[in-house]
PDB file of N, CA and C in Angstrom:
ATOM      1  N   MET A   1       0.843  -1.180   0.000  1.00  0.00           N
ATOM      2  CA  MET A   1       0.000   0.000   0.000  1.00  0.00           C
ATOM      3  C   MET A   1       0.887   1.242   0.000  1.00  0.00           C
ATOM      4  N   ASN A   2       0.560   2.185  -0.844  1.00  0.00           N
ATOM      5  CA  ASN A   2       1.312   3.429  -0.919  1.00  0.00           C
ATOM      6  C   ASN A   2       0.352   4.586  -0.659  1.00  0.00           C
ATOM      7  N   ASP A   3       0.298   5.033   0.585  1.00  0.00           N
ATOM      8  CA  ASP A   3      -0.565   6.133   0.966  1.00  0.00           C
ATOM      9  C   ASP A   3       0.307   7.367   1.169  1.00  0.00           C
ATOM     10  N   ASP A   4       0.053   8.395   0.411  1.00  0.00           N
ATOM     11  CA  ASP A   4       0.859   9.609   0.463  1.00  0.00           C
ATOM     12  C   ASP A   4       0.299  10.652   1.427  1.00  0.00           C
ATOM     13  N   THR A   5      -0.620  10.253   2.300  1.00  0.00           N
ATOM     14  CA  THR A   5      -1.266  11.201   3.205  1.00  0.00           C
ATOM     15  C   THR A   5      -0.257  11.943   4.067  1.00  0.00           C
ATOM     16  N   LEU A   6       0.706  11.234   4.653  1.00  0.00           N
ATOM     17  CA  LEU A   6       1.683  11.892   5.515  1.00  0.00           C
ATOM     18  C   LEU A   6       2.550  12.874   4.729  1.00  0.00           C
ATOM     19  N   ALA A   7       2.981  12.479   3.542  1.00  0.00           N
ATOM     20  CA  ALA A   7       3.805  13.363   2.716  1.00  0.00           C
ATOM     21  C   ALA A   7       3.005  14.594   2.294  1.00  0.00           C
ATOM     22  N   GLU A   8       1.751  14.397   1.934  1.00  0.00           N
ATOM     23  CA  GLU A   8       0.903  15.533   1.543  1.00  0.00           C
ATOM     24  C   GLU A   8       0.689  16.470   2.725  1.00  0.00           C
ATOM     25  N   LEU A   9       0.421  15.913   3.887  1.00  0.00           N
ATOM     26  CA  LEU A   9       0.248  16.730   5.079  1.00  0.00           C
ATOM     27  C   LEU A   9       1.537  17.484   5.415  1.00  0.00           C
ATOM     28  N   ALA A  10       2.678  16.822   5.272  1.00  0.00           N
ATOM     29  CA  ALA A  10       3.962  17.477   5.528  1.00  0.00           C
ATOM     30  C   ALA A  10       4.157  18.676   4.607  1.00  0.00           C
ATOM     31  N   ARG A  11       3.744  18.553   3.355  1.00  0.00           N
ATOM     32  CA  ARG A  11       3.860  19.675   2.416  1.00  0.00           C
ATOM     33  C   ARG A  11       2.978  20.851   2.857  1.00  0.00           C
ATOM     34  N   VAL A  12       1.762  20.541   3.306  1.00  0.00           N
ATOM     35  CA  VAL A  12       0.857  21.597   3.774  1.00  0.00           C
ATOM     36  C   VAL A  12       1.439  22.276   5.010  1.00  0.00           C
ATOM     37  N   LEU A  13       1.948  21.475   5.937  1.00  0.00           N
ATOM     38  CA  LEU A  13       2.524  22.051   7.161  1.00  0.00           C
ATOM     39  C   LEU A  13       3.715  22.945   6.835  1.00  0.00           C
ATOM     40  N   GLU A  14       4.531  22.528   5.894  1.00  0.00           N
ATOM     41  CA  GLU A  14       5.690  23.325   5.499  1.00  0.00           C
ATOM     42  C   GLU A  14       5.234  24.644   4.867  1.00  0.00           C
ATOM     43  N   ALA A  15       4.180  24.590   4.083  1.00  0.00           N
ATOM     44  CA  ALA A  15       3.671  25.788   3.416  1.00  0.00           C
ATOM     45  C   ALA A  15       3.105  26.801   4.406  1.00  0.00           C
ATOM     46  N   ARG A  16       2.691  26.345   5.567  1.00  0.00           N
ATOM     47  CA  ARG A  16       2.110  27.252   6.574  1.00  0.00           C
ATOM     48  C   ARG A  16       3.174  27.982   7.396  1.00  0.00           C
ATOM     49  N   LYS A  17       4.419  27.550   7.306  1.00  0.00           N
ATOM     50  CA  LYS A  17       5.486  28.208   8.060  1.00  0.00           C
ATOM     51  C   LYS A  17       5.606  29.653   7.606  1.00  0.00           C
ATOM     52  N   GLY A  18       5.720  30.554   8.549  1.00  0.00           N
ATOM     53  CA  GLY A  18       5.888  31.956   8.234  1.00  0.00           C
ATOM     54  C   GLY A  18       4.608  32.672   7.845  1.00  0.00           C
ATOM     55  N   ALA A  19       3.504  31.936   7.799  1.00  0.00           N
ATOM     56  CA  ALA A  19       2.229  32.574   7.445  1.00  0.00           C
ATOM     57  C   ALA A  19       1.721  33.396   8.629  1.00  0.00           C
ATOM     58  N   ASP A  20       0.840  34.319   8.343  1.00  0.00           N
ATOM     59  CA  ASP A  20       0.196  35.121   9.380  1.00  0.00           C
ATOM     60  C   ASP A  20      -0.496  34.179  10.363  1.00  0.00           C
ATOM     61  N   PRO A  21      -0.223  34.326  11.658  1.00  0.00           N
ATOM     62  CA  PRO A  21      -0.816  33.427  12.654  1.00  0.00           C
ATOM     63  C   PRO A  21      -2.343  33.414  12.634  1.00  0.00           C
ATOM     64  N   ASP A  22      -2.952  34.477  12.130  1.00  0.00           N
ATOM     65  CA  ASP A  22      -4.412  34.525  12.052  1.00  0.00           C
ATOM     66  C   ASP A  22      -4.959  33.871  10.786  1.00  0.00           C
ATOM     67  N   SER A  23      -4.054  33.439   9.893  1.00  0.00           N
ATOM     68  CA  SER A  23      -4.500  32.912   8.605  1.00  0.00           C
ATOM     69  C   SER A  23      -4.884  31.438   8.654  1.00  0.00           C
ATOM     70  N   SER A  24      -4.342  30.696   9.634  1.00  0.00           N
ATOM     71  CA  SER A  24      -4.688  29.276   9.738  1.00  0.00           C
ATOM     72  C   SER A  24      -4.353  28.757  11.131  1.00  0.00           C
ATOM     73  N   TYR A  25      -4.961  27.652  11.481  1.00  0.00           N
ATOM     74  CA  TYR A  25      -4.708  27.022  12.772  1.00  0.00           C
ATOM     75  C   TYR A  25      -3.231  26.653  12.901  1.00  0.00           C
ATOM     76  N   VAL A  26      -2.669  26.066  11.853  1.00  0.00           N
ATOM     77  CA  VAL A  26      -1.270  25.628  11.885  1.00  0.00           C
ATOM     78  C   VAL A  26      -0.335  26.820  12.011  1.00  0.00           C
ATOM     79  N   ALA A  27      -0.597  27.882  11.271  1.00  0.00           N
ATOM     80  CA  ALA A  27       0.234  29.082  11.381  1.00  0.00           C
ATOM     81  C   ALA A  27       0.178  29.623  12.807  1.00  0.00           C
ATOM     82  N   GLY A  28      -1.000  29.554  13.426  1.00  0.00           N
ATOM     83  CA  GLY A  28      -1.132  29.975  14.814  1.00  0.00           C
ATOM     84  C   GLY A  28      -0.320  29.105  15.758  1.00  0.00           C
ATOM     85  N   LEU A  29      -0.293  27.805  15.494  1.00  0.00           N
ATOM     86  CA  LEU A  29       0.535  26.909  16.306  1.00  0.00           C
ATOM     87  C   LEU A  29       2.014  27.245  16.155  1.00  0.00           C
ATOM     88  N   TYR A  30       2.456  27.434  14.925  1.00  0.00           N
ATOM     89  CA  TYR A  30       3.861  27.792  14.699  1.00  0.00           C
ATOM     90  C   TYR A  30       4.224  29.076  15.455  1.00  0.00           C
ATOM     91  N   HIS A  31       3.295  30.014  15.475  1.00  0.00           N
ATOM     92  CA  HIS A  31       3.537  31.293  16.152  1.00  0.00           C
ATOM     93  C   HIS A  31       3.756  31.080  17.662  1.00  0.00           C
ATOM     94  N   LYS A  32       3.153  30.048  18.226  1.00  0.00           N
ATOM     95  CA  LYS A  32       3.306  29.752  19.662  1.00  0.00           C
ATOM     96  C   LYS A  32       4.657  29.119  19.979  1.00  0.00           C
ATOM     97  N   GLY A  33       5.365  28.664  18.951  1.00  0.00           N
ATOM     98  CA  GLY A  33       6.689  28.089  19.149  1.00  0.00           C
ATOM     99  C   GLY A  33       6.640  26.677  19.702  1.00  0.00           C
ATOM    100  N   VAL A  34       7.815  26.165  19.997  1.00  0.00           N
ATOM    101  CA  VAL A  34       7.941  24.775  20.426  1.00  0.00           C
ATOM    102  C   VAL A  34       7.162  24.521  21.714  1.00  0.00           C
ATOM    103  N   ASP A  35       7.167  25.463  22.642  1.00  0.00           N
ATOM    104  CA  ASP A  35       6.445  25.240  23.896  1.00  0.00           C
ATOM    105  C   ASP A  35       4.945  25.076  23.667  1.00  0.00           C
ATOM    106  N   GLY A  36       4.373  25.942  22.844  1.00  0.00           N
ATOM    107  CA  GLY A  36       2.943  25.860  22.563  1.00  0.00           C
ATOM    108  C   GLY A  36       2.569  24.601  21.802  1.00  0.00           C
ATOM    109  N   ILE A  37       3.388  24.242  20.843  1.00  0.00           N
ATOM    110  CA  ILE A  37       3.107  23.036  20.056  1.00  0.00           C
ATOM    111  C   ILE A  37       3.277  21.796  20.928  1.00  0.00           C
ATOM    112  N   ALA A  38       4.332  21.746  21.716  1.00  0.00           N
ATOM    113  CA  ALA A  38       4.565  20.589  22.592  1.00  0.00           C
ATOM    114  C   ALA A  38       3.446  20.449  23.616  1.00  0.00           C
ATOM    115  N   LYS A  39       2.954  21.559  24.115  1.00  0.00           N
ATOM    116  CA  LYS A  39       1.824  21.512  25.057  1.00  0.00           C
ATOM    117  C   LYS A  39       0.616  20.873  24.386  1.00  0.00           C
ATOM    118  N   LYS A  40       0.370  21.253  23.141  1.00  0.00           N
ATOM    119  CA  LYS A  40      -0.769  20.688  22.407  1.00  0.00           C
ATOM    120  C   LYS A  40      -0.571  19.189  22.178  1.00  0.00           C
ATOM    121  N   VAL A  41       0.649  18.760  21.877  1.00  0.00           N
ATOM    122  CA  VAL A  41       0.927  17.323  21.713  1.00  0.00           C
ATOM    123  C   VAL A  41       0.619  16.599  23.014  1.00  0.00           C
ATOM    124  N   GLY A  42       1.030  17.171  24.141  1.00  0.00           N
ATOM    125  CA  GLY A  42       0.744  16.567  25.439  1.00  0.00           C
ATOM    126  C   GLY A  42      -0.747  16.456  25.710  1.00  0.00           C
ATOM    127  N   GLU A  43      -1.493  17.507  25.380  1.00  0.00           N
ATOM    128  CA  GLU A  43      -2.950  17.475  25.557  1.00  0.00           C
ATOM    129  C   GLU A  43      -3.563  16.366  24.715  1.00  0.00           C
ATOM    130  N   GLU A  44      -3.121  16.263  23.475  1.00  0.00           N
ATOM    131  CA  GLU A  44      -3.677  15.240  22.581  1.00  0.00           C
ATOM    132  C   GLU A  44      -3.294  13.834  23.039  1.00  0.00           C
ATOM    133  N   ALA A  45      -2.100  13.677  23.598  1.00  0.00           N
ATOM    134  CA  ALA A  45      -1.701  12.370  24.127  1.00  0.00           C
ATOM    135  C   ALA A  45      -2.612  11.969  25.285  1.00  0.00           C
ATOM    136  N   THR A  46      -2.908  12.917  26.157  1.00  0.00           N
ATOM    137  CA  THR A  46      -3.800  12.639  27.278  1.00  0.00           C
ATOM    138  C   THR A  46      -5.193  12.265  26.786  1.00  0.00           C
ATOM    139  N   GLU A  47      -5.697  13.005  25.807  1.00  0.00           N
ATOM    140  CA  GLU A  47      -7.020  12.698  25.254  1.00  0.00           C
ATOM    141  C   GLU A  47      -7.032  11.330  24.576  1.00  0.00           C
ATOM    142  N   THR A  48      -5.919  10.944  23.965  1.00  0.00           N
ATOM    143  CA  THR A  48      -5.822   9.623  23.345  1.00  0.00           C
ATOM    144  C   THR A  48      -5.920   8.528  24.402  1.00  0.00           C
ATOM    145  N   VAL A  49      -5.207   8.704  25.488  1.00  0.00           N
ATOM    146  CA  VAL A  49      -5.253   7.728  26.580  1.00  0.00           C
ATOM    147  C   VAL A  49      -6.675   7.630  27.136  1.00  0.00           C
ATOM    148  N   MET A  50      -7.312   8.767  27.336  1.00  0.00           N
ATOM    149  CA  MET A  50      -8.670   8.765  27.882  1.00  0.00           C
ATOM    150  C   MET A  50      -9.639   8.055  26.932  1.00  0.00           C
ATOM    151  N   ALA A  51      -9.507   8.294  25.638  1.00  0.00           N
ATOM    152  CA  ALA A  51     -10.379   7.642  24.660  1.00  0.00           C
ATOM    153  C   ALA A  51     -10.161   6.133  24.661  1.00  0.00           C
ATOM    154  N   ALA A  52      -8.913   5.712  24.793  1.00  0.00           N
ATOM    155  CA  ALA A  52      -8.624   4.276  24.836  1.00  0.00           C
ATOM    156  C   ALA A  52      -9.259   3.644  26.073  1.00  0.00           C
ATOM    157  N   LYS A  53      -9.160   4.317  27.191  1.00  0.00           N
ATOM    158  CA  LYS A  53      -9.723   3.789  28.434  1.00  0.00           C
ATOM    159  C   LYS A  53     -11.252   3.774  28.396  1.00  0.00           C
ATOM    160  N   ASP A  54     -11.849   4.697  27.641  1.00  0.00           N
ATOM    161  CA  ASP A  54     -13.307   4.735  27.509  1.00  0.00           C
ATOM    162  C   ASP A  54     -13.828   3.604  26.635  1.00  0.00           C
ATOM    163  N   GLY A  55     -12.964   3.024  25.818  1.00  0.00           N
ATOM    164  CA  GLY A  55     -13.359   1.897  24.984  1.00  0.00           C
ATOM    165  C   GLY A  55     -14.175   2.263  23.761  1.00  0.00           C
ATOM    166  N   ASP A  56     -14.105   3.505  23.329  1.00  0.00           N
ATOM    167  CA  ASP A  56     -14.848   3.948  22.147  1.00  0.00           C
ATOM    168  C   ASP A  56     -13.894   3.985  20.957  1.00  0.00           C
ATOM    169  N   PRO A  57     -13.975   3.003  20.055  1.00  0.00           N
ATOM    170  CA  PRO A  57     -13.022   2.946  18.932  1.00  0.00           C
ATOM    171  C   PRO A  57     -13.035   4.196  18.053  1.00  0.00           C
ATOM    172  N   ASP A  58     -14.211   4.772  17.802  1.00  0.00           N
ATOM    173  CA  ASP A  58     -14.283   5.966  16.958  1.00  0.00           C
ATOM    174  C   ASP A  58     -13.584   7.144  17.630  1.00  0.00           C
ATOM    175  N   ALA A  59     -13.799   7.309  18.930  1.00  0.00           N
ATOM    176  CA  ALA A  59     -13.145   8.395  19.664  1.00  0.00           C
ATOM    177  C   ALA A  59     -11.635   8.174  19.690  1.00  0.00           C
ATOM    178  N   LEU A  60     -11.225   6.928  19.841  1.00  0.00           N
ATOM    179  CA  LEU A  60      -9.793   6.629  19.864  1.00  0.00           C
ATOM    180  C   LEU A  60      -9.141   6.995  18.534  1.00  0.00           C
ATOM    181  N   VAL A  61      -9.762   6.617  17.441  1.00  0.00           N
ATOM    182  CA  VAL A  61      -9.215   6.951  16.118  1.00  0.00           C
ATOM    183  C   VAL A  61      -9.148   8.464  15.943  1.00  0.00           C
ATOM    184  N   HIS A  62     -10.180   9.168  16.362  1.00  0.00           N
ATOM    185  CA  HIS A  62     -10.202  10.626  16.267  1.00  0.00           C
ATOM    186  C   HIS A  62      -9.057  11.239  17.059  1.00  0.00           C
ATOM    187  N   GLU A  63      -8.861  10.779  18.277  1.00  0.00           N
ATOM    188  CA  GLU A  63      -7.809  11.349  19.127  1.00  0.00           C
ATOM    189  C   GLU A  63      -6.414  10.984  18.636  1.00  0.00           C
ATOM    190  N   VAL A  64      -6.234   9.777  18.127  1.00  0.00           N
ATOM    191  CA  VAL A  64      -4.926   9.409  17.565  1.00  0.00           C
ATOM    192  C   VAL A  64      -4.632  10.271  16.344  1.00  0.00           C
ATOM    193  N   ALA A  65      -5.648  10.537  15.529  1.00  0.00           N
ATOM    194  CA  ALA A  65      -5.448  11.428  14.379  1.00  0.00           C
ATOM    195  C   ALA A  65      -5.000  12.808  14.852  1.00  0.00           C
ATOM    196  N   ASP A  66      -5.638  13.323  15.912  1.00  0.00           N
ATOM    197  CA  ASP A  66      -5.217  14.617  16.467  1.00  0.00           C
ATOM    198  C   ASP A  66      -3.794  14.556  16.993  1.00  0.00           C
ATOM    199  N   LEU A  67      -3.445  13.476  17.668  1.00  0.00           N
ATOM    200  CA  LEU A  67      -2.094  13.318  18.213  1.00  0.00           C
ATOM    201  C   LEU A  67      -1.064  13.259  17.090  1.00  0.00           C
ATOM    202  N   TRP A  68      -1.345  12.469  16.065  1.00  0.00           N
ATOM    203  CA  TRP A  68      -0.421  12.382  14.934  1.00  0.00           C
ATOM    204  C   TRP A  68      -0.271  13.740  14.268  1.00  0.00           C
ATOM    205  N   PHE A  69      -1.390  14.420  14.048  1.00  0.00           N
ATOM    206  CA  PHE A  69      -1.353  15.722  13.384  1.00  0.00           C
ATOM    207  C   PHE A  69      -0.464  16.697  14.152  1.00  0.00           C
ATOM    208  N   HIS A  70      -0.701  16.812  15.439  1.00  0.00           N
ATOM    209  CA  HIS A  70       0.075  17.770  16.226  1.00  0.00           C
ATOM    210  C   HIS A  70       1.535  17.342  16.366  1.00  0.00           C
ATOM    211  N   SER A  71       1.780  16.045  16.372  1.00  0.00           N
ATOM    212  CA  SER A  71       3.159  15.553  16.379  1.00  0.00           C
ATOM    213  C   SER A  71       3.860  15.930  15.077  1.00  0.00           C
ATOM    214  N   LEU A  72       3.137  15.864  13.965  1.00  0.00           N
ATOM    215  CA  LEU A  72       3.706  16.267  12.679  1.00  0.00           C
ATOM    216  C   LEU A  72       3.989  17.764  12.642  1.00  0.00           C
ATOM    217  N   VAL A  73       3.126  18.561  13.267  1.00  0.00           N
ATOM    218  CA  VAL A  73       3.390  20.000  13.358  1.00  0.00           C
ATOM    219  C   VAL A  73       4.673  20.225  14.149  1.00  0.00           C
ATOM    220  N   LEU A  74       4.829  19.519  15.252  1.00  0.00           N
ATOM    221  CA  LEU A  74       6.039  19.651  16.070  1.00  0.00           C
ATOM    222  C   LEU A  74       7.281  19.241  15.285  1.00  0.00           C
ATOM    223  N   LEU A  75       7.195  18.133  14.573  1.00  0.00           N
ATOM    224  CA  LEU A  75       8.324  17.711  13.736  1.00  0.00           C
ATOM    225  C   LEU A  75       8.666  18.795  12.712  1.00  0.00           C
ATOM    226  N   ALA A  76       7.650  19.310  12.029  1.00  0.00           N
ATOM    227  CA  ALA A  76       7.883  20.323  10.997  1.00  0.00           C
ATOM    228  C   ALA A  76       8.507  21.576  11.598  1.00  0.00           C
ATOM    229  N   GLN A  77       8.052  21.959  12.777  1.00  0.00           N
ATOM    230  CA  GLN A  77       8.603  23.141  13.432  1.00  0.00           C
ATOM    231  C   GLN A  77      10.083  22.950  13.733  1.00  0.00           C
ATOM    232  N   GLN A  78      10.482  21.707  13.943  1.00  0.00           N
ATOM    233  CA  GLN A  78      11.869  21.370  14.240  1.00  0.00           C
ATOM    234  C   GLN A  78      12.677  21.036  12.989  1.00  0.00           C
ATOM    235  N   GLY A  79      12.062  21.228  11.816  1.00  0.00           N
ATOM    236  CA  GLY A  79      12.766  20.971  10.568  1.00  0.00           C
ATOM    237  C   GLY A  79      12.790  19.508  10.167  1.00  0.00           C
ATOM    238  N   LEU A  80      11.882  18.739  10.717  1.00  0.00           N
ATOM    239  CA  LEU A  80      11.803  17.306  10.420  1.00  0.00           C
ATOM    240  C   LEU A  80      10.456  16.990   9.793  1.00  0.00           C
ATOM    241  N   GLY A  81      10.360  15.797   9.225  1.00  0.00           N
ATOM    242  CA  GLY A  81       9.098  15.382   8.630  1.00  0.00           C
ATOM    243  C   GLY A  81       8.791  13.948   8.965  1.00  0.00           C
ATOM    244  N   PRO A  82       7.671  13.477   8.467  1.00  0.00           N
ATOM    245  CA  PRO A  82       7.268  12.107   8.772  1.00  0.00           C
ATOM    246  C   PRO A  82       8.261  11.065   8.268  1.00  0.00           C
ATOM    247  N   GLU A  83       8.998  11.379   7.212  1.00  0.00           N
ATOM    248  CA  GLU A  83       9.952  10.401   6.680  1.00  0.00           C
ATOM    249  C   GLU A  83      11.025  10.047   7.707  1.00  0.00           C
ATOM    250  N   ALA A  84      11.409  11.009   8.531  1.00  0.00           N
ATOM    251  CA  ALA A  84      12.409  10.728   9.571  1.00  0.00           C
ATOM    252  C   ALA A  84      11.886   9.698  10.566  1.00  0.00           C
ATOM    253  N   VAL A  85      10.624   9.821  10.924  1.00  0.00           N
ATOM    254  CA  VAL A  85      10.025   8.872  11.870  1.00  0.00           C
ATOM    255  C   VAL A  85       9.831   7.518  11.189  1.00  0.00           C
ATOM    256  N   LEU A  86       9.373   7.539   9.941  1.00  0.00           N
ATOM    257  CA  LEU A  86       9.190   6.285   9.219  1.00  0.00           C
ATOM    258  C   LEU A  86      10.521   5.552   9.057  1.00  0.00           C
ATOM    259  N   ALA A  87      11.585   6.283   8.790  1.00  0.00           N
ATOM    260  CA  ALA A  87      12.910   5.658   8.672  1.00  0.00           C
ATOM    261  C   ALA A  87      13.328   5.039  10.001  1.00  0.00           C
ATOM    262  N   GLU A  88      13.067   5.739  11.083  1.00  0.00           N
ATOM    263  CA  GLU A  88      13.374   5.190  12.415  1.00  0.00           C
ATOM    264  C   GLU A  88      12.598   3.902  12.663  1.00  0.00           C
ATOM    265  N   LEU A  89      11.318   3.904  12.319  1.00  0.00           N
ATOM    266  CA  LEU A  89      10.502   2.702  12.511  1.00  0.00           C
ATOM    267  C   LEU A  89      10.979   1.558  11.623  1.00  0.00           C
ATOM    268  N   ARG A  90      11.313   1.876  10.360  1.00  0.00           N
ATOM    269  CA  ARG A  90      11.830   0.830   9.462  1.00  0.00           C
ATOM    270  C   ARG A  90      13.106   0.217  10.028  1.00  0.00           C
ATOM    271  N   GLY A  91      13.949   1.039  10.637  1.00  0.00           N
ATOM    272  CA  GLY A  91      15.192   0.547  11.217  1.00  0.00           C
ATOM    273  C   GLY A  91      14.983  -0.376  12.406  1.00  0.00           C
ATOM    274  N   ARG A  92      13.799  -0.355  12.973  1.00  0.00           N
ATOM    275  CA  ARG A  92      13.507  -1.211  14.123  1.00  0.00           C
ATOM    276  C   ARG A  92      12.952  -2.578  13.735  1.00  0.00           C
ATOM    277  N   PHE A  93      12.580  -2.755  12.468  1.00  0.00           N
ATOM    278  CA  PHE A  93      12.097  -4.066  12.040  1.00  0.00           C
ATOM    279  C   PHE A  93      13.183  -5.104  12.277  1.00  0.00           C
ATOM    280  N   GLY A  94      12.777  -6.246  12.773  1.00  0.00           N
ATOM    281  CA  GLY A  94      13.726  -7.317  13.017  1.00  0.00           C
ATOM    282  C   GLY A  94      14.363  -7.259  14.395  1.00  0.00           C
ATOM    283  N   LEU A  95      14.078  -6.211  15.143  1.00  0.00           N
ATOM    284  CA  LEU A  95      14.578  -6.107  16.520  1.00  0.00           C
ATOM    285  C   LEU A  95      13.420  -6.323  17.475  1.00  0.00           C
ATOM    286  N   SER A  96      13.671  -7.041  18.537  1.00  0.00           N
ATOM    287  CA  SER A  96      12.644  -7.112  19.570  1.00  0.00           C
ATOM    288  C   SER A  96      12.609  -5.771  20.278  1.00  0.00           C
ATOM    289  N   GLY A  97      11.510  -5.473  20.945  1.00  0.00           N
ATOM    290  CA  GLY A  97      11.416  -4.238  21.707  1.00  0.00           C
ATOM    291  C   GLY A  97      12.507  -4.128  22.743  1.00  0.00           C
ATOM    292  N   LEU A  98      12.874  -5.249  23.345  1.00  0.00           N
ATOM    293  CA  LEU A  98      13.930  -5.234  24.356  1.00  0.00           C
ATOM    294  C   LEU A  98      15.286  -4.939  23.733  1.00  0.00           C
ATOM    295  N   GLU A  99      15.546  -5.519  22.546  1.00  0.00           N
ATOM    296  CA  GLU A  99      16.818  -5.236  21.856  1.00  0.00           C
ATOM    297  C   GLU A  99      16.902  -3.777  21.450  1.00  0.00           C
ATOM    298  N   GLU A 100      15.787  -3.248  20.932  1.00  0.00           N
ATOM    299  CA  GLU A 100      15.770  -1.860  20.484  1.00  0.00           C
ATOM    300  C   GLU A 100      16.012  -0.926  21.663  1.00  0.00           C
ATOM    301  N   LYS A 101      15.377  -1.208  22.774  1.00  0.00           N
ATOM    302  CA  LYS A 101      15.552  -0.374  23.961  1.00  0.00           C
ATOM    303  C   LYS A 101      17.001  -0.425  24.450  1.00  0.00           C
ATOM    304  N   ALA A 102      17.600  -1.588  24.460  1.00  0.00           N
ATOM    305  CA  ALA A 102      18.991  -1.733  24.891  1.00  0.00           C
ATOM    306  C   ALA A 102      19.935  -0.995  23.936  1.00  0.00           C
ATOM    307  N   ARG A 103      19.611  -1.022  22.650  1.00  0.00           N
ATOM    308  CA  ARG A 103      20.443  -0.356  21.647  1.00  0.00           C
ATOM    309  C   ARG A 103      20.467   1.155  21.871  1.00  0.00           C
ATOM    310  N   ARG A 104      19.349   1.716  22.337  1.00  0.00           N
ATOM    311  CA  ARG A 104      19.276   3.156  22.583  1.00  0.00           C
ATOM    312  C   ARG A 104      20.081   3.562  23.804  1.00  0.00           C
ATOM    313  N   GLY A 105      20.255   2.644  24.735  1.00  0.00           N
ATOM    314  CA  GLY A 105      21.007   2.970  25.940  1.00  0.00           C
ATOM    315  C   GLY A 105      20.131   3.584  27.003  1.00  0.00           C
ATOM    316  N   GLU A 106      20.701   3.774  28.147  1.00  0.00           N
ATOM    317  CA  GLU A 106      19.983   4.272  29.310  1.00  0.00           C
ATOM    318  C   GLU A 106      19.586   5.732  29.202  1.00  0.00           C
ATOM    319  N   GLY A 107      20.295   6.530  28.422  1.00  0.00           N
ATOM    320  CA  GLY A 107      20.063   7.964  28.383  1.00  0.00           C
ATOM    321  C   GLY A 107      18.801   8.384  27.661  1.00  0.00           C
ATOM    322  N   HIS A 108      18.143   7.488  26.938  1.00  0.00           N
ATOM    323  CA  HIS A 108      16.968   7.825  26.150  1.00  0.00           C
ATOM    324  C   HIS A 108      15.731   7.461  26.949  1.00  0.00           C
ATOM    325  N   GLN A 109      14.824   8.406  27.140  1.00  0.00           N
ATOM    326  CA  GLN A 109      13.699   8.219  28.035  1.00  0.00           C
ATOM    327  C   GLN A 109      12.478   7.552  27.404  1.00  0.00           C
ATOM    328  N   SER A 110      12.240   7.723  26.097  1.00  0.00           N
ATOM    329  CA  SER A 110      11.010   7.192  25.526  1.00  0.00           C
ATOM    330  C   SER A 110      11.055   5.676  25.465  1.00  0.00           C
ATOM    331  N   ASP A 111       9.873   5.084  25.427  1.00  0.00           N
ATOM    332  CA  ASP A 111       9.763   3.634  25.435  1.00  0.00           C
ATOM    333  C   ASP A 111       8.739   3.206  24.402  1.00  0.00           C
ATOM    334  N   SER A 112       9.207   2.669  23.288  1.00  0.00           N
ATOM    335  CA  SER A 112       8.287   2.250  22.228  1.00  0.00           C
ATOM    336  C   SER A 112       7.922   0.787  22.329  1.00  0.00           C
ATOM    337  N   SER A 113       8.400   0.107  23.379  1.00  0.00           N
ATOM    338  CA  SER A 113       8.147  -1.325  23.490  1.00  0.00           C
ATOM    339  C   SER A 113       6.804  -1.636  24.119  1.00  0.00           C
ATOM    340  N   GLY A 114       6.101  -0.615  24.627  1.00  0.00           N
ATOM    341  CA  GLY A 114       4.805  -0.852  25.228  1.00  0.00           C
ATOM    342  C   GLY A 114       4.890  -1.287  26.668  1.00  0.00           C
ATOM    343  N   GLU A 115       6.067  -1.270  27.245  1.00  0.00           N
ATOM    344  CA  GLU A 115       6.204  -1.687  28.640  1.00  0.00           C
ATOM    345  C   GLU A 115       5.946  -0.539  29.567  1.00  0.00           C
TER     346      GLU A 115
END
């Protein structure tokens, strides 16, 4: 399957950089800087967890979409795109979660193994 949704969204996010903050939601987020965007990612992560605990699949999909969207805005603000994350994920194929975590070392705080 070749879905270009992430690449298309990345192009839109890039085009919003430097735009008048009143011209679009994304331009307004960029205007808030990394702190404002990161705060929004945190809010969306919390809402995702709450939707999962509520057991409503439609709400969960909606909140994950919001989380992904705001995470992509944060990546774009930092000069990165979805391809960087996809490359990281591709590099983890063939590794167990425990091997991947050990490879990162103790200094890295995130945990993608689900533990």
